[in-house]
C-alpha atoms as a PDB file:
ATOM      1  CA  MET A   1      96.001 124.536  79.884  1.00  0.00           C
ATOM      2  CA  SER A   2      92.400 125.471  80.745  1.00  0.00           C
ATOM      3  CA  LEU A   3      90.248 124.900  83.800  1.00  0.00           C
ATOM      4  CA  LEU A   4      88.142 122.377  81.864  1.00  0.00           C
ATOM      5  CA  GLU A   5      91.274 120.400  80.998  1.00  0.00           C
ATOM      6  CA  ALA A   6      92.305 120.453  84.651  1.00  0.00           C
ATOM      7  CA  ILE A   7      88.897 119.101  85.680  1.00  0.00           C
ATOM      8  CA  ILE A   8      89.166 116.300  83.107  1.00  0.00           C
ATOM      9  CA  LEU A   9      92.627 115.360  84.385  1.00  0.00           C
ATOM     10  CA  GLY A  10      91.408 115.501  87.993  1.00  0.00           C
ATOM     11  CA  LEU A  11      88.626 113.106  87.035  1.00  0.00           C
ATOM     12  CA  VAL A  12      91.142 110.795  85.381  1.00  0.00           C
ATOM     13  CA  GLN A  13      93.403 110.938  88.452  1.00  0.00           C
ATOM     14  CA  GLY A  14      90.537 110.030  90.774  1.00  0.00           C
ATOM     15  CA  LEU A  15      89.324 107.187  88.548  1.00  0.00           C
ATOM     16  CA  THR A  16      92.728 105.569  88.034  1.00  0.00           C
ATOM     17  CA  GLU A  17      94.825 106.207  91.167  1.00  0.00           C
ATOM     18  CA  PHE A  18      93.598 103.183  93.114  1.00  0.00           C
ATOM     19  CA  LEU A  19      93.009 100.794  90.240  1.00  0.00           C
ATOM     20  CA  PRO A  20      96.142  98.866  89.157  1.00  0.00           C
ATOM     21  CA  ILE A  21      96.269 100.657  85.793  1.00  0.00           C
ATOM     22  CA  SER A  22      98.557 103.621  86.608  1.00  0.00           C
ATOM     23  CA  SER A  23      97.106 107.077  87.135  1.00  0.00           C
ATOM     24  CA  SER A  24     100.349 108.782  86.079  1.00  0.00           C
ATOM     25  CA  ALA A  25     100.277 106.929  82.743  1.00  0.00           C
ATOM     26  CA  HIS A  26      96.666 107.971  82.148  1.00  0.00           C
ATOM     27  CA  LEU A  27      97.392 111.624  82.932  1.00  0.00           C
ATOM     28  CA  ARG A  28     100.368 111.444  80.579  1.00  0.00           C
ATOM     29  CA  ILE A  29      98.301 109.890  77.773  1.00  0.00           C
ATOM     30  CA  VAL A  30      95.084 111.901  78.213  1.00  0.00           C
ATOM     31  CA  GLY A  31      97.082 115.132  78.246  1.00  0.00           C
ATOM     32  CA  GLU A  32      98.125 114.427  74.664  1.00  0.00           C
ATOM     33  CA  PHE A  33      94.496 114.312  73.494  1.00  0.00           C
ATOM     34  CA  LEU A  34      93.322 117.503  75.189  1.00  0.00           C
ATOM     35  CA  PRO A  35      93.123 120.729  73.128  1.00  0.00           C
ATOM     36  CA  SER A  36      96.506 121.893  74.440  1.00  0.00           C
ATOM     37  CA  ALA A  37      98.048 118.491  73.539  1.00  0.00           C
ATOM     38  CA  GLN A  38     100.536 118.744  76.380  1.00  0.00           C
ATOM     39  CA  ASP A  39     102.015 116.532  79.095  1.00  0.00           C
ATOM     40  CA  PRO A  40     100.536 117.862  82.378  1.00  0.00           C
ATOM     41  CA  GLY A  41     103.901 117.093  84.003  1.00  0.00           C
ATOM     42  CA  ALA A  42     105.220 115.322  87.081  1.00  0.00           C
ATOM     43  CA  THR A  43     104.482 118.310  89.318  1.00  0.00           C
ATOM     44  CA  PHE A  44     100.779 118.451  88.457  1.00  0.00           C
ATOM     45  CA  THR A  45     100.529 114.656  88.812  1.00  0.00           C
ATOM     46  CA  ALA A  46     102.121 114.644  92.267  1.00  0.00           C
ATOM     47  CA  ILE A  47      99.990 117.519  93.568  1.00  0.00           C
ATOM     48  CA  THR A  48      96.683 116.025  92.376  1.00  0.00           C
ATOM     49  CA  GLN A  49      97.649 112.800  94.124  1.00  0.00           C
ATOM     50  CA  LEU A  50      97.282 114.742  97.385  1.00  0.00           C
ATOM     51  CA  GLY A  51      93.550 114.692  96.686  1.00  0.00           C
ATOM     52  CA  THR A  52      93.376 110.952  96.199  1.00  0.00           C
ATOM     53  CA  GLU A  53      95.545 110.285  99.253  1.00  0.00           C
ATOM     54  CA  LEU A  54      93.225 112.453 101.323  1.00  0.00           C
ATOM     55  CA  ALA A  55      90.508 110.035 100.189  1.00  0.00           C
ATOM     56  CA  VAL A  56      92.659 107.176 101.560  1.00  0.00           C
ATOM     57  CA  LEU A  57      92.948 108.953 104.912  1.00  0.00           C
ATOM     58  CA  ILE A  58      89.186 109.326 105.163  1.00  0.00           C
ATOM     59  CA  TYR A  59      88.286 105.813 103.983  1.00  0.00           C
ATOM     60  CA  PHE A  60      90.871 104.077 106.181  1.00  0.00           C
ATOM     61  CA  TRP A  61      90.648 106.594 109.040  1.00  0.00           C
ATOM     62  CA  LYS A  62      89.943 103.980 111.716  1.00  0.00           C
ATOM     63  CA  ASP A  63      92.804 101.749 110.572  1.00  0.00           C
ATOM     64  CA  ILE A  64      95.242 104.641 110.281  1.00  0.00           C
ATOM     65  CA  THR A  65      94.447 106.242 113.651  1.00  0.00           C
ATOM     66  CA  ARG A  66      94.504 102.856 115.393  1.00  0.00           C
ATOM     67  CA  ILE A  67      97.871 101.920 113.914  1.00  0.00           C
ATOM     68  CA  ILE A  68      99.427 105.326 114.653  1.00  0.00           C
ATOM     69  CA  GLY A  69      98.016 105.374 118.180  1.00  0.00           C
ATOM     70  CA  ARG A  70      99.239 101.900 119.086  1.00  0.00           C
ATOM     71  CA  TRP A  71     102.614 102.523 117.424  1.00  0.00           C
ATOM     72  CA  PHE A  72     103.228 105.593 119.612  1.00  0.00           C
ATOM     73  CA  ARG A  73     101.867 103.968 122.776  1.00  0.00           C
ATOM     74  CA  HIS A  74     104.014 100.854 122.457  1.00  0.00           C
ATOM     75  CA  PHE A  75     107.085 102.901 123.446  1.00  0.00           C
ATOM     76  CA  SER A  76     105.591 103.283 126.931  1.00  0.00           C
ATOM     77  CA  PRO A  77     106.371 100.379 129.298  1.00  0.00           C
ATOM     78  CA  SER A  78     102.913 100.741 130.857  1.00  0.00           C
ATOM     79  CA  SER A  79     100.990 100.634 127.575  1.00  0.00           C
ATOM     80  CA  GLY A  80     100.003  96.993 127.935  1.00  0.00           C
ATOM     81  CA  ILE A  81     100.530  96.460 124.211  1.00  0.00           C
ATOM     82  CA  PRO A  82     101.939  92.939 123.716  1.00  0.00           C
ATOM     83  CA  LYS A  83     105.195  92.280 121.922  1.00  0.00           C
ATOM     84  CA  GLY A  84     104.550  91.472 118.294  1.00  0.00           C
ATOM     85  CA  ASP A  85     101.315  93.484 118.164  1.00  0.00           C
ATOM     86  CA  SER A  86     100.102  93.523 114.550  1.00  0.00           C
ATOM     87  CA  ASP A  87      99.271  97.251 114.523  1.00  0.00           C
ATOM     88  CA  VAL A  88     102.691  98.186 115.873  1.00  0.00           C
ATOM     89  CA  ARG A  89     104.296  95.944 113.271  1.00  0.00           C
ATOM     90  CA  LEU A  90     102.222  97.535 110.499  1.00  0.00           C
ATOM     91  CA  GLY A  91     103.293 100.973 111.699  1.00  0.00           C
ATOM     92  CA  TRP A  92     106.943  99.995 111.449  1.00  0.00           C
ATOM     93  CA  LEU A  93     106.386  98.375 108.050  1.00  0.00           C
ATOM     94  CA  VAL A  94     104.828 101.519 106.592  1.00  0.00           C
ATOM     95  CA  ILE A  95     107.825 103.526 107.837  1.00  0.00           C
ATOM     96  CA  ILE A  96     110.430 101.023 106.632  1.00  0.00           C
ATOM     97  CA  GLY A  97     108.605 100.367 103.361  1.00  0.00           C
ATOM     98  CA  THR A  98     108.537 104.092 102.538  1.00  0.00           C
ATOM     99  CA  VAL A  99     112.312 104.549 102.741  1.00  0.00           C
ATOM    100  CA  PRO A 100     113.204 102.918  99.354  1.00  0.00           C
ATOM    101  CA  ILE A 101     110.886 105.096  97.240  1.00  0.00           C
ATOM    102  CA  VAL A 102     111.959 108.252  99.093  1.00  0.00           C
ATOM    103  CA  LEU A 103     115.642 107.547  98.422  1.00  0.00           C
ATOM    104  CA  LEU A 104     115.118 106.594  94.784  1.00  0.00           C
ATOM    105  CA  GLY A 105     112.736 109.502  94.229  1.00  0.00           C
ATOM    106  CA  TYR A 106     115.357 111.935  95.511  1.00  0.00           C
ATOM    107  CA  VAL A 107     118.202 110.439  93.460  1.00  0.00           C
ATOM    108  CA  ALA A 108     116.200 109.998  90.247  1.00  0.00           C
ATOM    109  CA  GLN A 109     114.404 113.384  90.183  1.00  0.00           C
ATOM    110  CA  GLU A 110     115.730 114.319  86.751  1.00  0.00           C
ATOM    111  CA  HIS A 111     114.746 110.988  85.194  1.00  0.00           C
ATOM    112  CA  ILE A 112     111.270 111.152  86.761  1.00  0.00           C
ATOM    113  CA  ARG A 113     110.652 114.466  85.004  1.00  0.00           C
ATOM    114  CA  THR A 114     112.155 113.449  81.654  1.00  0.00           C
ATOM    115  CA  ALA A 115     113.138 109.910  80.564  1.00  0.00           C
ATOM    116  CA  PHE A 116     110.542 108.112  82.690  1.00  0.00           C
ATOM    117  CA  ARG A 117     107.748 110.042  80.928  1.00  0.00           C
ATOM    118  CA  SER A 118     108.494 108.602  77.484  1.00  0.00           C
ATOM    119  CA  LEU A 119     105.287 107.158  76.048  1.00  0.00           C
ATOM    120  CA  TRP A 120     107.260 104.215  74.658  1.00  0.00           C
ATOM    121  CA  LEU A 121     108.337 103.337  78.181  1.00  0.00           C
ATOM    122  CA  VAL A 122     104.782 103.846  79.446  1.00  0.00           C
ATOM    123  CA  ALA A 123     103.403 101.451  76.813  1.00  0.00           C
ATOM    124  CA  ILE A 124     105.968  98.753  77.564  1.00  0.00           C
ATOM    125  CA  VAL A 125     105.553  98.799  81.336  1.00  0.00           C
ATOM    126  CA  LEU A 126     101.748  98.838  81.018  1.00  0.00           C
ATOM    127  CA  ILE A 127     101.993  95.495  79.240  1.00  0.00           C
ATOM    128  CA  VAL A 128     104.849  93.949  81.243  1.00  0.00           C
ATOM    129  CA  PHE A 129     103.459  94.797  84.657  1.00  0.00           C
ATOM    130  CA  GLY A 130      99.972  93.836  83.542  1.00  0.00           C
ATOM    131  CA  ILE A 131     101.308  90.343  82.835  1.00  0.00           C
ATOM    132  CA  LEU A 132     103.101  90.267  86.202  1.00  0.00           C
ATOM    133  CA  LEU A 133      99.874  91.283  87.963  1.00  0.00           C
ATOM    134  CA  TRP A 134      98.023  88.448  86.213  1.00  0.00           C
ATOM    135  CA  ILE A 135     100.678  85.896  87.205  1.00  0.00           C
ATOM    136  CA  ALA A 136     100.674  87.053  90.835  1.00  0.00           C
ATOM    137  CA  ASP A 137      96.886  87.041  91.007  1.00  0.00           C
ATOM    138  CA  ARG A 138      96.671  83.652  89.317  1.00  0.00           C
ATOM    139  CA  LEU A 139      99.399  81.827  91.239  1.00  0.00           C
ATOM    140  CA  GLY A 140      99.334  83.576  94.642  1.00  0.00           C
ATOM    141  CA  ARG A 141      97.974  81.460  97.509  1.00  0.00           C
ATOM    142  CA  ARG A 142      95.794  84.329  98.807  1.00  0.00           C
ATOM    143  CA  THR A 143      95.554  82.966 102.348  1.00  0.00           C
ATOM    144  CA  ARG A 144      97.278  85.619 104.504  1.00  0.00           C
ATOM    145  CA  GLU A 145      95.561  88.690 105.950  1.00  0.00           C
ATOM    146  CA  MET A 146      97.084  92.151 106.418  1.00  0.00           C
ATOM    147  CA  GLU A 147      97.383  91.616 110.191  1.00  0.00           C
ATOM    148  CA  GLU A 148      99.760  88.720 109.392  1.00  0.00           C
ATOM    149  CA  MET A 149     102.122  90.976 107.423  1.00  0.00           C
ATOM    150  CA  THR A 150     105.737  90.092 108.244  1.00  0.00           C
ATOM    151  CA  TYR A 151     108.793  92.327 108.098  1.00  0.00           C
ATOM    152  CA  PRO A 152     110.278  90.543 105.056  1.00  0.00           C
ATOM    153  CA  SER A 153     106.935  90.865 103.232  1.00  0.00           C
ATOM    154  CA  GLY A 154     106.561  94.548 104.100  1.00  0.00           C
ATOM    155  CA  ILE A 155     110.104  95.326 102.974  1.00  0.00           C
ATOM    156  CA  LEU A 156     109.625  93.513  99.652  1.00  0.00           C
ATOM    157  CA  ILE A 157     106.352  95.350  99.017  1.00  0.00           C
ATOM    158  CA  GLY A 158     108.123  98.602  99.892  1.00  0.00           C
ATOM    159  CA  LEU A 159     110.785  97.823  97.293  1.00  0.00           C
ATOM    160  CA  ALA A 160     108.044  97.118  94.751  1.00  0.00           C
ATOM    161  CA  GLN A 161     106.602 100.571  95.452  1.00  0.00           C
ATOM    162  CA  MET A 162     109.775 102.134  94.016  1.00  0.00           C
ATOM    163  CA  LEU A 163     108.670 100.983  90.565  1.00  0.00           C
ATOM    164  CA  ALA A 164     105.726 103.381  90.778  1.00  0.00           C
ATOM    165  CA  LEU A 165     108.096 106.230  89.890  1.00  0.00           C
ATOM    166  CA  VAL A 166     107.770 105.041  86.283  1.00  0.00           C
ATOM    167  CA  PRO A 167     104.402 106.049  84.745  1.00  0.00           C
ATOM    168  CA  GLY A 168     102.628 102.915  83.588  1.00  0.00           C
ATOM    169  CA  VAL A 169     103.757 100.651  86.402  1.00  0.00           C
ATOM    170  CA  SER A 170     101.014 101.732  88.867  1.00  0.00           C
ATOM    171  CA  ARG A 171     101.784 102.142  92.557  1.00  0.00           C
ATOM    172  CA  SER A 172      98.821 100.018  93.611  1.00  0.00           C
ATOM    173  CA  GLY A 173      99.557  97.535  90.816  1.00  0.00           C
ATOM    174  CA  ALA A 174     103.200  97.002  91.816  1.00  0.00           C
ATOM    175  CA  THR A 175     102.586  96.772  95.559  1.00  0.00           C
ATOM    176  CA  THR A 176      99.438  94.674  95.218  1.00  0.00           C
ATOM    177  CA  SER A 177     101.217  92.289  92.828  1.00  0.00           C
ATOM    178  CA  ALA A 178     103.995  91.867  95.382  1.00  0.00           C
ATOM    179  CA  GLY A 179     101.430  91.228  98.126  1.00  0.00           C
ATOM    180  CA  LEU A 180      99.608  88.634  96.028  1.00  0.00           C
ATOM    181  CA  ALA A 181     102.878  86.909  95.119  1.00  0.00           C
ATOM    182  CA  LEU A 182     103.714  86.683  98.833  1.00  0.00           C
ATOM    183  CA  GLY A 183     100.429  84.906  99.547  1.00  0.00           C
ATOM    184  CA  TYR A 184      98.184  87.704 100.854  1.00  0.00           C
ATOM    185  CA  THR A 185      94.506  87.946  99.961  1.00  0.00           C
ATOM    186  CA  ARG A 186      93.386  90.501  97.396  1.00  0.00           C
ATOM    187  CA  PRO A 187      91.744  92.828  99.960  1.00  0.00           C
ATOM    188  CA  ALA A 188      94.742  92.488 102.324  1.00  0.00           C
ATOM    189  CA  ALA A 189      97.262  93.259  99.582  1.00  0.00           C
ATOM    190  CA  ALA A 190      95.204  96.265  98.435  1.00  0.00           C
ATOM    191  CA  ARG A 191      94.699  97.627 101.984  1.00  0.00           C
ATOM    192  CA  PHE A 192      98.402  97.486 102.794  1.00  0.00           C
ATOM    193  CA  ALA A 193      99.244  99.000  99.402  1.00  0.00           C
ATOM    194  CA  PHE A 194      96.975 101.976 100.141  1.00  0.00           C
ATOM    195  CA  LEU A 195      98.364 102.475 103.663  1.00  0.00           C
ATOM    196  CA  LEU A 196     101.951 102.186 102.437  1.00  0.00           C
ATOM    197  CA  ALA A 197     101.354 104.847  99.780  1.00  0.00           C
ATOM    198  CA  VAL A 198     100.152 107.528 102.212  1.00  0.00           C
ATOM    199  CA  PRO A 199     103.492 108.920 103.501  1.00  0.00           C
ATOM    200  CA  ALA A 200     105.271 108.627 100.143  1.00  0.00           C
ATOM    201  CA  VAL A 201     102.512 110.307  98.134  1.00  0.00           C
ATOM    202  CA  PHE A 202     101.914 113.067 100.677  1.00  0.00           C
ATOM    203  CA  GLY A 203     105.652 113.699 100.879  1.00  0.00           C
ATOM    204  CA  SER A 204     106.009 113.874  97.106  1.00  0.00           C
ATOM    205  CA  GLY A 205     102.895 115.989  96.640  1.00  0.00           C
ATOM    206  CA  LEU A 206     103.824 118.512  99.326  1.00  0.00           C
ATOM    207  CA  TYR A 207     107.369 118.758  97.965  1.00  0.00           C
ATOM    208  CA  GLU A 208     106.071 119.464  94.449  1.00  0.00           C
ATOM    209  CA  LEU A 209     103.529 121.936  95.852  1.00  0.00           C
ATOM    210  CA  VAL A 210     106.288 123.914  97.566  1.00  0.00           C
ATOM    211  CA  GLN A 211     108.420 123.808  94.405  1.00  0.00           C
ATOM    212  CA  SER A 212     105.503 125.062  92.289  1.00  0.00           C
ATOM    213  CA  ILE A 213     105.063 128.012  94.660  1.00  0.00           C
ATOM    214  CA  ARG A 214     108.778 128.817  94.559  1.00  0.00           C
ATOM    215  CA  GLU A 215     109.010 128.448  90.772  1.00  0.00           C
ATOM    216  CA  PRO A 216     105.504 129.146  89.397  1.00  0.00           C
ATOM    217  CA  GLY A 217     106.807 129.535  85.869  1.00  0.00           C
ATOM    218  CA  GLU A 218     107.684 125.834  85.735  1.00  0.00           C
ATOM    219  CA  ALA A 219     104.069 124.665  86.231  1.00  0.00           C
ATOM    220  CA  VAL A 220     101.818 123.684  83.325  1.00  0.00           C
ATOM    221  CA  PHE A 221      98.684 124.622  85.301  1.00  0.00           C
ATOM    222  CA  GLY A 222      98.039 127.638  87.484  1.00  0.00           C
ATOM    223  CA  PRO A 223      97.153 127.402  91.205  1.00  0.00           C
ATOM    224  CA  LEU A 224      93.380 127.558  90.610  1.00  0.00           C
ATOM    225  CA  GLU A 225      93.358 124.824  87.965  1.00  0.00           C
ATOM    226  CA  THR A 226      95.588 122.566  90.069  1.00  0.00           C
ATOM    227  CA  ALA A 227      93.444 123.098  93.175  1.00  0.00           C
ATOM    228  CA  VAL A 228      90.231 122.273  91.290  1.00  0.00           C
ATOM    229  CA  ALA A 229      91.776 119.156  89.742  1.00  0.00           C
ATOM    230  CA  THR A 230      92.944 118.005  93.185  1.00  0.00           C
ATOM    231  CA  ALA A 231      89.460 118.506  94.646  1.00  0.00           C
ATOM    232  CA  VAL A 232      87.876 116.544  91.789  1.00  0.00           C
ATOM    233  CA  ALA A 233      90.446 113.758  92.249  1.00  0.00           C
ATOM    234  CA  PHE A 234      89.547 113.572  95.944  1.00  0.00           C
ATOM    235  CA  GLY A 235      85.813 113.145  95.389  1.00  0.00           C
ATOM    236  CA  VAL A 236      86.111 110.617  92.595  1.00  0.00           C
ATOM    237  CA  GLY A 237      88.924 108.745  94.332  1.00  0.00           C
ATOM    238  CA  LEU A 238      86.877 108.248  97.495  1.00  0.00           C
ATOM    239  CA  ALA A 239      84.117 106.581  95.467  1.00  0.00           C
ATOM    240  CA  VAL A 240      86.616 104.394  93.601  1.00  0.00           C
ATOM    241  CA  ILE A 241      88.229 103.117  96.836  1.00  0.00           C
ATOM    242  CA  ALA A 242      84.822 102.073  98.171  1.00  0.00           C
ATOM    243  CA  TYR A 243      84.024 100.282  94.914  1.00  0.00           C
ATOM    244  CA  LEU A 244      87.379  98.527  94.647  1.00  0.00           C
ATOM    245  CA  MET A 245      87.419  97.211  98.217  1.00  0.00           C
ATOM    246  CA  ARG A 246      83.933  95.729  97.698  1.00  0.00           C
ATOM    247  CA  TYR A 247      84.890  94.297  94.308  1.00  0.00           C
ATOM    248  CA  LEU A 248      88.024  92.566  95.623  1.00  0.00           C
ATOM    249  CA  GLN A 249      86.009  90.528  98.117  1.00  0.00           C
ATOM    250  CA  LYS A 250      85.119  88.229  95.219  1.00  0.00           C
ATOM    251  CA  GLY A 251      86.474  89.680  91.988  1.00  0.00           C
ATOM    252  CA  SER A 252      89.893  89.103  90.395  1.00  0.00           C
ATOM    253  CA  PHE A 253      92.366  91.508  88.784  1.00  0.00           C
ATOM    254  CA  LEU A 254      91.846  90.007  85.313  1.00  0.00           C
ATOM    255  CA  PRO A 255      89.714  92.913  83.957  1.00  0.00           C
ATOM    256  CA  PHE A 256      92.472  95.363  84.908  1.00  0.00           C
ATOM    257  CA  VAL A 257      95.128  93.115  83.344  1.00  0.00           C
ATOM    258  CA  LEU A 258      93.214  92.961  80.047  1.00  0.00           C
ATOM    259  CA  TYR A 259      92.727  96.730  80.100  1.00  0.00           C
ATOM    260  CA  ARG A 260      96.460  97.303  80.644  1.00  0.00           C
ATOM    261  CA  LEU A 261      97.354  95.012  77.731  1.00  0.00           C
ATOM    262  CA  LEU A 262      94.827  96.721  75.451  1.00  0.00           C
ATOM    263  CA  LEU A 263      95.925 100.236  76.402  1.00  0.00           C
ATOM    264  CA  GLY A 264      99.606  99.369  76.042  1.00  0.00           C
ATOM    265  CA  GLY A 265      98.986  97.808  72.629  1.00  0.00           C
ATOM    266  CA  VAL A 266      96.962 100.784  71.367  1.00  0.00           C
ATOM    267  CA  LEU A 267      99.629 103.173  72.608  1.00  0.00           C
ATOM    268  CA  ILE A 268     102.346 101.269  70.740  1.00  0.00           C
ATOM    269  CA  VAL A 269     100.303 101.470  67.527  1.00  0.00           C
ATOM    270  CA  LEU A 270      99.735 105.214  67.952  1.00  0.00           C
ATOM    271  CA  LEU A 271     103.433 105.796  68.576  1.00  0.00           C
ATOM    272  CA  ALA A 272     104.545 103.574  65.682  1.00  0.00           C
ATOM    273  CA  THR A 273     102.207 105.341  63.244  1.00  0.00           C
ATOM    274  CA  GLY A 274     103.265 108.802  64.363  1.00  0.00           C
ATOM    275  CA  VAL A 275      99.882 109.786  65.800  1.00  0.00           C
ATOM    276  CA  LEU A 276     101.635 110.362  69.147  1.00  0.00           C
ATOM    277  CA  GLN A 277     105.215 111.360  69.941  1.00  0.00           C
ATOM    278  CA  ALA A 278     107.181 109.783  72.781  1.00  0.00           C
ATOM    279  CA  TYR A 279     107.831 113.177  74.413  1.00  0.00           C
END
């Protein structure tokens, strides 16, 4: 695959990572329409996500450093941090909520690289989880803020994050839907979803980066193309986060739901008519 194709996929990654429409599904689909007509692969997807997660670190830098700092300091008896401090609790919830996806990701490695990348599966989950997002957004009470996040809520959202291993589900879509269903506001659900994703995505991306160095023949893209795509994903992703957090102050998830249903429907038609192949 060429450098231009890598740039296009990096742009797609940056545009779709934080919207509840599944970046991995878009990379999978767009790859089929590029000149090489090839799946960019789970390795390329995971590595380019390092760029978008770096954007999360920069955008939420104050939140992240505050939470980490207070989480470490609360172990000291002289810290003065009260019991039940919201930042300490959020620190624990990010740690606890990351465990499920790490365990499943390790156990299901083979499926992630093969069966989970079927375009039929992608089309179905785009539609199904689009409907679930609409229901959660429509019926959720949207009264609780991120600082009110409880341990049961954080654990349930962490379990929802496991679904992101299937292209089409959307990490932010699954975790935000869970947050909305549990009564959190749209910005609160999105903020916690982004913070929760940081350790899992960095862990996955760094693991795939090491594997691509050890076994370079397995990669679809070379080091230069992957690096450029990751840099493009970072720049675009940073702009998308800023837009989305402003939009969610008043806007709903309905436009993203409709887009998911449309994309899933079009994909089913293309597969049924033989224009695209499942693998």
